[in-house]
C-alpha cells in the first residue's frame, strides 16, 4: 500500500453503549502496545479509535 510504516496493527473499536466499553478499549490499547513491544518497535501512533 506504499505506507511509510514497517507495521500496521489493525484493531476494531469496542462497541459503544456497553457497560464494558472503557475496559475493552483499555485492553485493546494495551494489547497493541504489547505487540509493538514484542516486535521491538520504537514508536507507535494511535489514530482516534472508534470516533465514527
C-alpha atoms as a PDB file:
ATOM      1  CA  UNK A   1       0.000   0.000   0.000  1.00  0.00           C
ATOM      2  CA  UNK A   2       3.005   2.314  -0.007  1.00  0.00           C
ATOM      3  CA  UNK A   3       2.787   3.158   3.687  1.00  0.00           C
ATOM      4  CA  UNK A   4       5.931   4.565   5.320  1.00  0.00           C
ATOM      5  CA  UNK A   5       5.371   2.310   8.361  1.00  0.00           C
ATOM      6  CA  UNK A   6       7.004  -1.110   8.728  1.00  0.00           C
ATOM      7  CA  UNK A   7       3.987  -2.451  10.630  1.00  0.00           C
ATOM      8  CA  UNK A   8       0.307  -1.605  10.870  1.00  0.00           C
ATOM      9  CA  UNK A   9      -1.557  -3.114  13.813  1.00  0.00           C
ATOM     10  CA  UNK A  10      -5.252  -3.090  12.972  1.00  0.00           C
ATOM     11  CA  UNK A  11      -7.866  -3.320  15.708  1.00  0.00           C
ATOM     12  CA  UNK A  12     -11.610  -2.926  15.960  1.00  0.00           C
ATOM     13  CA  UNK A  13     -13.068  -0.401  18.339  1.00  0.00           C
ATOM     14  CA  UNK A  14     -15.248  -1.713  21.155  1.00  0.00           C
ATOM     15  CA  UNK A  15     -19.000  -1.390  20.813  1.00  0.00           C
ATOM     16  CA  UNK A  16     -20.037   1.839  22.497  1.00  0.00           C
ATOM     17  CA  UNK A  17     -23.010   1.712  24.789  1.00  0.00           C
ATOM     18  CA  UNK A  18     -21.752  -1.419  26.502  1.00  0.00           C
ATOM     19  CA  UNK A  19     -21.060  -1.167  30.211  1.00  0.00           C
ATOM     20  CA  UNK A  20     -17.588  -2.581  29.488  1.00  0.00           C
ATOM     21  CA  UNK A  21     -16.595  -0.344  26.545  1.00  0.00           C
ATOM     22  CA  UNK A  22     -13.929   1.565  28.509  1.00  0.00           C
ATOM     23  CA  UNK A  23     -12.431  -1.687  29.803  1.00  0.00           C
ATOM     24  CA  UNK A  24     -12.437  -3.129  26.282  1.00  0.00           C
ATOM     25  CA  UNK A  25     -10.749  -0.019  24.848  1.00  0.00           C
ATOM     26  CA  UNK A  26      -8.130  -0.196  27.611  1.00  0.00           C
ATOM     27  CA  UNK A  27      -7.403  -3.850  26.768  1.00  0.00           C
ATOM     28  CA  UNK A  28      -7.230  -3.038  23.052  1.00  0.00           C
ATOM     29  CA  UNK A  29      -4.627  -0.316  23.587  1.00  0.00           C
ATOM     30  CA  UNK A  30      -2.599  -2.488  25.988  1.00  0.00           C
ATOM     31  CA  UNK A  31      -2.642  -5.413  23.542  1.00  0.00           C
ATOM     32  CA  UNK A  32      -1.428  -3.135  20.732  1.00  0.00           C
ATOM     33  CA  UNK A  33       1.376  -1.819  22.936  1.00  0.00           C
ATOM     34  CA  UNK A  34       2.359  -5.360  23.959  1.00  0.00           C
ATOM     35  CA  UNK A  35       2.546  -6.391  20.306  1.00  0.00           C
ATOM     36  CA  UNK A  36       4.606  -3.294  19.480  1.00  0.00           C
ATOM     37  CA  UNK A  37       6.974  -4.197  22.332  1.00  0.00           C
ATOM     38  CA  UNK A  38       7.192  -7.797  21.100  1.00  0.00           C
ATOM     39  CA  UNK A  39       8.131  -6.515  17.628  1.00  0.00           C
ATOM     40  CA  UNK A  40      10.642  -4.107  19.237  1.00  0.00           C
ATOM     41  CA  UNK A  41       9.041  -1.098  17.570  1.00  0.00           C
ATOM     42  CA  UNK A  42      10.478   2.277  18.538  1.00  0.00           C
ATOM     43  CA  UNK A  43       7.326   4.365  18.051  1.00  0.00           C
ATOM     44  CA  UNK A  44       3.572   3.871  17.927  1.00  0.00           C
ATOM     45  CA  UNK A  45       0.813   6.165  16.690  1.00  0.00           C
ATOM     46  CA  UNK A  46      -2.838   5.730  17.583  1.00  0.00           C
ATOM     47  CA  UNK A  47      -5.492   7.373  15.444  1.00  0.00           C
ATOM     48  CA  UNK A  48      -8.769   8.316  17.025  1.00  0.00           C
ATOM     49  CA  UNK A  49     -10.207   4.839  17.715  1.00  0.00           C
ATOM     50  CA  UNK A  50     -13.972   4.399  17.346  1.00  0.00           C
ATOM     51  CA  UNK A  51     -14.714   8.034  16.651  1.00  0.00           C
ATOM     52  CA  UNK A  52     -17.168   7.308  13.877  1.00  0.00           C
END
